[in-house]
Amino acid sequence: MNESTHLFVGELLGTMMLILFGDGVVAGVLLKRSKAESSGWIVITAGWAFAVMCGIFVARAFGGTGALNPVAPLIALVFNKADPMQMSLAIAGEFVGAFIGAVLVFLHYGPHWRETHDSGTKLSVFCTGPAIRRPISNFISEFIGTFVLVFVAESILAGKIAPGFDPAYIGMVVWAIGLSLGGTTGYAINPARDFSPRLAHTILPIPGKGTSDWGYAWIPIFGPIAGGLAAGGLFKLLT
């Protein structure tokens, strides 16, 4: 495979793992008759942190950057004049990988969907939603969460602190965001993480699934994009 194919495959596989572990822990906590049922927010935020770390490891092993998030290639395009074709392939890989990861979660928890009667709970396994639906406030939450993610991740990478350990450090950043800032919207902080699993929810034959709430979907797409670009721009300006 050439470099472009490696980039696409790496980001696809890494983001697939991100969603398999991330949506997987949500399913374990929320779905009925799971052994992890009702284990709580701490478990969910920890699961997502480990999901990020594992996803980065996998993506890099197969030639990806380990971004797992379309916001990073967009920042590279806007501020670092990265190759548009390369960044487009990375973004495509991330969206496709997130969809595959969501399908795997659906398959893994097969009998639990029918045991779970609340349609909103089933949707929450796949994508984010606000604790209090206020579009402007929800947008601000996603903006701030992604700003923090990008700004701290850039600081970790620029500081070259214990090279090779940055996947674990970035996972810790995601854990911190979930614990401190995630309670408002469920901290998508990644357009692919929300859009592709929401699409999977729409398509998959989930018993009693209800609506996929596409009216909210613009917030976890454009909030992270705006917050990430703001953080990338400020970091570049200050350094």
C-alpha atoms as a PDB file:
ATOM      1  CA  MET A   1       0.000   0.000   0.000  1.00  0.00           C
ATOM      2  CA  ASN A   2       1.152   3.553  -0.671  1.00  0.00           C
ATOM      3  CA  GLU A   3       1.303   6.305   1.944  1.00  0.00           C
ATOM      4  CA  SER A   4      -2.196   7.608   1.193  1.00  0.00           C
ATOM      5  CA  THR A   5      -3.740   4.155   1.528  1.00  0.00           C
ATOM      6  CA  HIS A   6      -1.892   3.572   4.801  1.00  0.00           C
ATOM      7  CA  LEU A   7      -3.218   6.881   6.105  1.00  0.00           C
ATOM      8  CA  PHE A   8      -6.802   5.988   5.184  1.00  0.00           C
ATOM      9  CA  VAL A   9      -6.577   2.460   6.598  1.00  0.00           C
ATOM     10  CA  GLY A  10      -4.805   3.590   9.760  1.00  0.00           C
ATOM     11  CA  GLU A  11      -7.383   6.248  10.583  1.00  0.00           C
ATOM     12  CA  LEU A  12     -10.212   3.866   9.691  1.00  0.00           C
ATOM     13  CA  LEU A  13      -8.969   1.088  11.977  1.00  0.00           C
ATOM     14  CA  GLY A  14      -8.032   3.443  14.784  1.00  0.00           C
ATOM     15  CA  THR A  15     -11.390   5.227  14.761  1.00  0.00           C
ATOM     16  CA  MET A  16     -13.180   1.882  14.517  1.00  0.00           C
ATOM     17  CA  MET A  17     -11.457   0.850  17.764  1.00  0.00           C
ATOM     18  CA  LEU A  18     -12.272   4.220  19.321  1.00  0.00           C
ATOM     19  CA  ILE A  19     -15.983   3.718  18.721  1.00  0.00           C
ATOM     20  CA  LEU A  20     -16.014  -0.001  19.486  1.00  0.00           C
ATOM     21  CA  PHE A  21     -14.544   0.634  22.933  1.00  0.00           C
ATOM     22  CA  GLY A  22     -16.192   4.027  23.491  1.00  0.00           C
ATOM     23  CA  ASP A  23     -19.755   3.253  22.424  1.00  0.00           C
ATOM     24  CA  GLY A  24     -19.156  -0.225  23.818  1.00  0.00           C
ATOM     25  CA  VAL A  25     -18.651   1.040  27.359  1.00  0.00           C
ATOM     26  CA  VAL A  26     -21.775   3.191  27.062  1.00  0.00           C
ATOM     27  CA  ALA A  27     -23.733   0.139  25.930  1.00  0.00           C
ATOM     28  CA  GLY A  28     -22.359  -1.884  28.816  1.00  0.00           C
ATOM     29  CA  VAL A  29     -23.465   0.716  31.352  1.00  0.00           C
ATOM     30  CA  LEU A  30     -26.862   1.566  29.837  1.00  0.00           C
ATOM     31  CA  LEU A  31     -28.309  -1.575  28.294  1.00  0.00           C
ATOM     32  CA  LYS A  32     -30.458  -3.915  30.362  1.00  0.00           C
ATOM     33  CA  ARG A  33     -29.028  -7.172  31.695  1.00  0.00           C
ATOM     34  CA  SER A  34     -25.464  -6.171  30.894  1.00  0.00           C
ATOM     35  CA  LYS A  35     -23.101  -7.167  33.696  1.00  0.00           C
ATOM     36  CA  ALA A  36     -21.877  -3.556  33.712  1.00  0.00           C
ATOM     37  CA  GLU A  37     -25.396  -2.061  33.905  1.00  0.00           C
ATOM     38  CA  SER A  38     -25.663   1.102  36.023  1.00  0.00           C
ATOM     39  CA  SER A  39     -21.934   1.228  36.770  1.00  0.00           C
ATOM     40  CA  GLY A  40     -22.013   4.950  36.088  1.00  0.00           C
ATOM     41  CA  TRP A  41     -20.358   7.989  34.591  1.00  0.00           C
ATOM     42  CA  ILE A  42     -16.885   7.244  35.955  1.00  0.00           C
ATOM     43  CA  VAL A  43     -16.860   3.949  34.056  1.00  0.00           C
ATOM     44  CA  ILE A  44     -18.058   5.615  30.862  1.00  0.00           C
ATOM     45  CA  THR A  45     -15.437   8.378  30.999  1.00  0.00           C
ATOM     46  CA  ALA A  46     -12.671   5.891  31.805  1.00  0.00           C
ATOM     47  CA  GLY A  47     -13.773   3.626  28.958  1.00  0.00           C
ATOM     48  CA  TRP A  48     -13.629   6.506  26.492  1.00  0.00           C
ATOM     49  CA  ALA A  49     -10.163   7.489  27.725  1.00  0.00           C
ATOM     50  CA  PHE A  50      -8.845   3.970  27.117  1.00  0.00           C
ATOM     51  CA  ALA A  51     -10.685   3.926  23.777  1.00  0.00           C
ATOM     52  CA  VAL A  52      -8.741   6.983  22.634  1.00  0.00           C
ATOM     53  CA  MET A  53      -5.424   5.490  23.722  1.00  0.00           C
ATOM     54  CA  CYS A  54      -6.089   2.151  21.988  1.00  0.00           C
ATOM     55  CA  GLY A  55      -7.362   3.878  18.859  1.00  0.00           C
ATOM     56  CA  ILE A  56      -4.206   5.976  18.550  1.00  0.00           C
ATOM     57  CA  PHE A  57      -1.988   2.915  18.952  1.00  0.00           C
ATOM     58  CA  VAL A  58      -3.874   1.024  16.242  1.00  0.00           C
ATOM     59  CA  ALA A  59      -4.037   3.965  13.820  1.00  0.00           C
ATOM     60  CA  ARG A  60      -0.299   4.604  14.029  1.00  0.00           C
ATOM     61  CA  ALA A  61       0.540   0.917  13.644  1.00  0.00           C
ATOM     62  CA  PHE A  62      -1.176   0.918  10.243  1.00  0.00           C
ATOM     63  CA  GLY A  63       0.159   4.236   8.944  1.00  0.00           C
ATOM     64  CA  GLY A  64      -2.364   6.738  10.287  1.00  0.00           C
ATOM     65  CA  THR A  65      -1.562   9.820  12.326  1.00  0.00           C
ATOM     66  CA  GLY A  66      -3.741   8.713  15.230  1.00  0.00           C
ATOM     67  CA  ALA A  67      -5.934  11.803  15.007  1.00  0.00           C
ATOM     68  CA  LEU A  68      -9.183   9.754  15.069  1.00  0.00           C
ATOM     69  CA  ASN A  69     -10.977  13.071  14.717  1.00  0.00           C
ATOM     70  CA  PRO A  70     -11.665  15.130  11.562  1.00  0.00           C
ATOM     71  CA  VAL A  71     -10.898  18.288  13.506  1.00  0.00           C
ATOM     72  CA  ALA A  72      -7.160  17.502  13.466  1.00  0.00           C
ATOM     73  CA  PRO A  73      -6.854  17.194   9.657  1.00  0.00           C
ATOM     74  CA  LEU A  74      -8.908  20.387   9.303  1.00  0.00           C
ATOM     75  CA  ILE A  75      -6.482  22.204  11.592  1.00  0.00           C
ATOM     76  CA  ALA A  76      -3.575  20.843   9.548  1.00  0.00           C
ATOM     77  CA  LEU A  77      -5.222  22.100   6.363  1.00  0.00           C
ATOM     78  CA  VAL A  78      -5.987  25.575   7.671  1.00  0.00           C
ATOM     79  CA  PHE A  79      -2.851  26.340   9.672  1.00  0.00           C
ATOM     80  CA  ASN A  80      -0.133  24.010   8.393  1.00  0.00           C
ATOM     81  CA  LYS A  81      -0.996  23.913   4.675  1.00  0.00           C
ATOM     82  CA  ALA A  82      -1.189  20.114   4.720  1.00  0.00           C
ATOM     83  CA  ASP A  83      -1.935  18.229   1.517  1.00  0.00           C
ATOM     84  CA  PRO A  84      -5.705  18.419   0.870  1.00  0.00           C
ATOM     85  CA  MET A  85      -5.903  14.922  -0.623  1.00  0.00           C
ATOM     86  CA  GLN A  86      -4.065  13.373   2.318  1.00  0.00           C
ATOM     87  CA  MET A  87      -6.254  15.152   4.853  1.00  0.00           C
ATOM     88  CA  SER A  88      -9.409  14.225   2.926  1.00  0.00           C
ATOM     89  CA  LEU A  89      -8.403  10.567   3.068  1.00  0.00           C
ATOM     90  CA  ALA A  90      -7.764  10.817   6.801  1.00  0.00           C
ATOM     91  CA  ILE A  91     -11.178  12.383   7.376  1.00  0.00           C
ATOM     92  CA  ALA A  92     -12.897   9.787   5.189  1.00  0.00           C
ATOM     93  CA  GLY A  93     -11.168   6.994   7.084  1.00  0.00           C
ATOM     94  CA  GLU A  94     -12.329   8.432  10.385  1.00  0.00           C
ATOM     95  CA  PHE A  95     -15.978   8.668   9.328  1.00  0.00           C
ATOM     96  CA  VAL A  96     -15.976   5.169   7.821  1.00  0.00           C
ATOM     97  CA  GLY A  97     -14.172   3.683  10.811  1.00  0.00           C
ATOM     98  CA  ALA A  98     -16.623   5.272  13.242  1.00  0.00           C
ATOM     99  CA  PHE A  99     -19.536   3.742  11.329  1.00  0.00           C
ATOM    100  CA  ILE A 100     -17.964   0.270  11.364  1.00  0.00           C
ATOM    101  CA  GLY A 101     -17.227   0.579  15.076  1.00  0.00           C
ATOM    102  CA  ALA A 102     -20.867   1.419  15.780  1.00  0.00           C
ATOM    103  CA  VAL A 103     -22.037  -1.586  13.774  1.00  0.00           C
ATOM    104  CA  LEU A 104     -19.717  -3.820  15.805  1.00  0.00           C
ATOM    105  CA  VAL A 105     -21.193  -2.474  19.047  1.00  0.00           C
ATOM    106  CA  PHE A 106     -24.668  -3.267  17.727  1.00  0.00           C
ATOM    107  CA  LEU A 107     -23.613  -6.822  16.920  1.00  0.00           C
ATOM    108  CA  HIS A 108     -21.754  -7.346  20.179  1.00  0.00           C
ATOM    109  CA  TYR A 109     -24.728  -6.364  22.355  1.00  0.00           C
ATOM    110  CA  GLY A 110     -27.232  -8.220  20.148  1.00  0.00           C
ATOM    111  CA  PRO A 111     -29.762  -9.589  22.680  1.00  0.00           C
ATOM    112  CA  HIS A 112     -29.569  -6.553  24.960  1.00  0.00           C
ATOM    113  CA  TRP A 113     -31.324  -4.191  22.540  1.00  0.00           C
ATOM    114  CA  ARG A 114     -34.610  -6.035  22.881  1.00  0.00           C
ATOM    115  CA  GLU A 115     -34.239  -6.203  26.655  1.00  0.00           C
ATOM    116  CA  THR A 116     -33.829  -2.407  26.798  1.00  0.00           C
ATOM    117  CA  HIS A 117     -37.181  -0.706  26.291  1.00  0.00           C
ATOM    118  CA  ASP A 118     -36.278   2.986  26.392  1.00  0.00           C
ATOM    119  CA  SER A 119     -35.508   4.286  22.901  1.00  0.00           C
ATOM    120  CA  GLY A 120     -33.539   7.262  24.215  1.00  0.00           C
ATOM    121  CA  THR A 121     -31.203   4.920  26.079  1.00  0.00           C
ATOM    122  CA  LYS A 122     -30.510   3.025  22.879  1.00  0.00           C
ATOM    123  CA  LEU A 123     -29.740   6.240  21.012  1.00  0.00           C
ATOM    124  CA  SER A 124     -27.372   7.317  23.798  1.00  0.00           C
ATOM    125  CA  VAL A 125     -25.208   4.277  23.099  1.00  0.00           C
ATOM    126  CA  PHE A 126     -24.484   5.577  19.603  1.00  0.00           C
ATOM    127  CA  CYS A 127     -24.337   9.355  19.847  1.00  0.00           C
ATOM    128  CA  THR A 128     -24.470  12.298  22.184  1.00  0.00           C
ATOM    129  CA  GLY A 129     -27.381  14.335  23.433  1.00  0.00           C
ATOM    130  CA  PRO A 130     -27.802  17.289  25.798  1.00  0.00           C
ATOM    131  CA  ALA A 131     -28.691  16.957  29.464  1.00  0.00           C
ATOM    132  CA  ILE A 132     -30.654  20.202  29.032  1.00  0.00           C
ATOM    133  CA  ARG A 133     -31.574  21.042  25.436  1.00  0.00           C
ATOM    134  CA  ARG A 134     -30.443  24.611  24.861  1.00  0.00           C
ATOM    135  CA  PRO A 135     -28.802  24.788  21.415  1.00  0.00           C
ATOM    136  CA  ILE A 136     -26.579  27.795  22.092  1.00  0.00           C
ATOM    137  CA  SER A 137     -25.391  26.453  25.446  1.00  0.00           C
ATOM    138  CA  ASN A 138     -24.921  22.986  23.957  1.00  0.00           C
ATOM    139  CA  PHE A 139     -22.842  24.450  21.122  1.00  0.00           C
ATOM    140  CA  ILE A 140     -20.714  26.373  23.631  1.00  0.00           C
ATOM    141  CA  SER A 141     -20.125  23.183  25.623  1.00  0.00           C
ATOM    142  CA  GLU A 142     -18.902  21.308  22.549  1.00  0.00           C
ATOM    143  CA  PHE A 143     -16.798  24.313  21.534  1.00  0.00           C
ATOM    144  CA  ILE A 144     -15.088  24.517  24.950  1.00  0.00           C
ATOM    145  CA  GLY A 145     -14.597  20.761  25.266  1.00  0.00           C
ATOM    146  CA  THR A 146     -12.923  20.513  21.866  1.00  0.00           C
ATOM    147  CA  PHE A 147     -10.903  23.666  22.457  1.00  0.00           C
ATOM    148  CA  VAL A 148      -9.470  22.042  25.588  1.00  0.00           C
ATOM    149  CA  LEU A 149      -8.811  18.757  23.773  1.00  0.00           C
ATOM    150  CA  VAL A 150      -6.894  20.394  20.928  1.00  0.00           C
ATOM    151  CA  PHE A 151      -5.032  22.950  23.025  1.00  0.00           C
ATOM    152  CA  VAL A 152      -3.795  20.423  25.591  1.00  0.00           C
ATOM    153  CA  ALA A 153      -3.037  17.752  22.964  1.00  0.00           C
ATOM    154  CA  GLU A 154      -0.989  20.283  20.975  1.00  0.00           C
ATOM    155  CA  SER A 155       0.869  21.168  24.175  1.00  0.00           C
ATOM    156  CA  ILE A 156       1.636  17.506  24.859  1.00  0.00           C
ATOM    157  CA  LEU A 157       2.928  16.905  21.343  1.00  0.00           C
ATOM    158  CA  ALA A 158       4.913  20.158  21.210  1.00  0.00           C
ATOM    159  CA  GLY A 159       6.484  19.542  24.612  1.00  0.00           C
ATOM    160  CA  LYS A 160       7.836  16.136  23.571  1.00  0.00           C
ATOM    161  CA  ILE A 161       7.174  14.859  27.095  1.00  0.00           C
ATOM    162  CA  ALA A 162       8.168  11.176  27.340  1.00  0.00           C
ATOM    163  CA  PRO A 163       7.925  10.501  23.581  1.00  0.00           C
ATOM    164  CA  GLY A 164       5.840   7.444  22.816  1.00  0.00           C
ATOM    165  CA  PHE A 165       3.551   7.965  25.776  1.00  0.00           C
ATOM    166  CA  ASP A 166       1.441  10.682  24.147  1.00  0.00           C
ATOM    167  CA  PRO A 167      -1.463   8.288  23.334  1.00  0.00           C
ATOM    168  CA  ALA A 168      -1.868   7.622  27.065  1.00  0.00           C
ATOM    169  CA  TYR A 169      -1.568  11.314  27.902  1.00  0.00           C
ATOM    170  CA  ILE A 170      -4.153  12.293  25.301  1.00  0.00           C
ATOM    171  CA  GLY A 171      -6.427   9.562  26.665  1.00  0.00           C
ATOM    172  CA  MET A 172      -6.062  11.180  30.088  1.00  0.00           C
ATOM    173  CA  VAL A 173      -7.023  14.537  28.597  1.00  0.00           C
ATOM    174  CA  VAL A 174     -10.206  12.975  27.194  1.00  0.00           C
ATOM    175  CA  TRP A 175     -10.881  11.433  30.603  1.00  0.00           C
ATOM    176  CA  ALA A 176     -10.463  14.851  32.256  1.00  0.00           C
ATOM    177  CA  ILE A 177     -12.812  16.450  29.719  1.00  0.00           C
ATOM    178  CA  GLY A 178     -15.417  13.771  30.350  1.00  0.00           C
ATOM    179  CA  LEU A 179     -15.217  14.153  34.116  1.00  0.00           C
ATOM    180  CA  SER A 180     -15.116  17.948  34.229  1.00  0.00           C
ATOM    181  CA  LEU A 181     -16.968  19.125  31.118  1.00  0.00           C
ATOM    182  CA  GLY A 182     -18.834  16.131  29.708  1.00  0.00           C
ATOM    183  CA  GLY A 183     -21.968  16.234  31.811  1.00  0.00           C
ATOM    184  CA  THR A 184     -23.704  18.885  29.691  1.00  0.00           C
ATOM    185  CA  THR A 185     -23.743  17.254  26.253  1.00  0.00           C
ATOM    186  CA  GLY A 186     -21.932  13.933  26.575  1.00  0.00           C
ATOM    187  CA  TYR A 187     -18.757  15.500  25.093  1.00  0.00           C
ATOM    188  CA  ALA A 188     -18.738  14.447  21.446  1.00  0.00           C
ATOM    189  CA  ILE A 189     -15.669  16.668  20.798  1.00  0.00           C
ATOM    190  CA  ASN A 190     -15.363  14.818  17.481  1.00  0.00           C
ATOM    191  CA  PRO A 191     -17.715  15.107  14.473  1.00  0.00           C
ATOM    192  CA  ALA A 192     -17.036  11.537  13.272  1.00  0.00           C
ATOM    193  CA  ARG A 193     -17.626  10.100  16.732  1.00  0.00           C
ATOM    194  CA  ASP A 194     -21.188  11.462  16.691  1.00  0.00           C
ATOM    195  CA  PHE A 195     -22.264  11.564  13.029  1.00  0.00           C
ATOM    196  CA  SER A 196     -21.283   8.072  11.905  1.00  0.00           C
ATOM    197  CA  PRO A 197     -22.732   6.171  14.888  1.00  0.00           C
ATOM    198  CA  ARG A 198     -25.897   8.284  14.606  1.00  0.00           C
ATOM    199  CA  LEU A 199     -26.101   7.225  10.962  1.00  0.00           C
ATOM    200  CA  ALA A 200     -25.597   3.604  12.025  1.00  0.00           C
ATOM    201  CA  HIS A 201     -28.443   3.998  14.525  1.00  0.00           C
ATOM    202  CA  THR A 202     -30.641   5.264  11.703  1.00  0.00           C
ATOM    203  CA  ILE A 203     -29.830   2.338   9.415  1.00  0.00           C
ATOM    204  CA  LEU A 204     -29.475  -0.639  11.756  1.00  0.00           C
ATOM    205  CA  PRO A 205     -32.474  -2.841  12.672  1.00  0.00           C
ATOM    206  CA  ILE A 206     -32.400  -1.987  16.379  1.00  0.00           C
ATOM    207  CA  PRO A 207     -35.633  -3.150  18.074  1.00  0.00           C
ATOM    208  CA  GLY A 208     -37.727  -0.195  19.280  1.00  0.00           C
ATOM    209  CA  LYS A 209     -35.011   2.323  18.500  1.00  0.00           C
ATOM    210  CA  GLY A 210     -37.106   5.445  17.891  1.00  0.00           C
ATOM    211  CA  THR A 211     -35.747   8.635  16.328  1.00  0.00           C
ATOM    212  CA  SER A 212     -32.061   9.344  15.694  1.00  0.00           C
ATOM    213  CA  ASP A 213     -32.553  13.035  16.678  1.00  0.00           C
ATOM    214  CA  TRP A 214     -30.963  14.520  13.562  1.00  0.00           C
ATOM    215  CA  GLY A 215     -32.228  17.944  14.621  1.00  0.00           C
ATOM    216  CA  TYR A 216     -29.513  18.009  17.279  1.00  0.00           C
ATOM    217  CA  ALA A 217     -26.771  16.488  15.111  1.00  0.00           C
ATOM    218  CA  TRP A 218     -25.364  19.804  13.831  1.00  0.00           C
ATOM    219  CA  ILE A 219     -24.138  20.733  17.322  1.00  0.00           C
ATOM    220  CA  PRO A 220     -21.668  17.831  17.815  1.00  0.00           C
ATOM    221  CA  ILE A 221     -20.423  18.474  14.273  1.00  0.00           C
ATOM    222  CA  PHE A 222     -19.939  22.236  14.122  1.00  0.00           C
ATOM    223  CA  GLY A 223     -19.246  22.854  17.827  1.00  0.00           C
ATOM    224  CA  PRO A 224     -16.115  20.663  17.746  1.00  0.00           C
ATOM    225  CA  ILE A 225     -14.990  22.072  14.398  1.00  0.00           C
ATOM    226  CA  ALA A 226     -15.257  25.668  15.675  1.00  0.00           C
ATOM    227  CA  GLY A 227     -13.644  24.887  19.021  1.00  0.00           C
ATOM    228  CA  GLY A 228     -10.822  22.900  17.462  1.00  0.00           C
ATOM    229  CA  LEU A 229      -9.988  25.550  14.869  1.00  0.00           C
ATOM    230  CA  ALA A 230     -10.022  28.240  17.557  1.00  0.00           C
ATOM    231  CA  ALA A 231      -7.629  26.219  19.716  1.00  0.00           C
ATOM    232  CA  GLY A 232      -5.353  25.385  16.788  1.00  0.00           C
ATOM    233  CA  GLY A 233      -5.220  29.028  15.732  1.00  0.00           C
ATOM    234  CA  LEU A 234      -4.522  30.321  19.224  1.00  0.00           C
ATOM    235  CA  PHE A 235      -1.819  27.717  19.839  1.00  0.00           C
ATOM    236  CA  LYS A 236      -0.088  28.601  16.588  1.00  0.00           C
ATOM    237  CA  LEU A 237      -0.356  32.321  17.367  1.00  0.00           C
ATOM    238  CA  LEU A 238       1.149  31.945  20.836  1.00  0.00           C
ATOM    239  CA  THR A 239       3.952  29.593  19.875  1.00  0.00           C
END
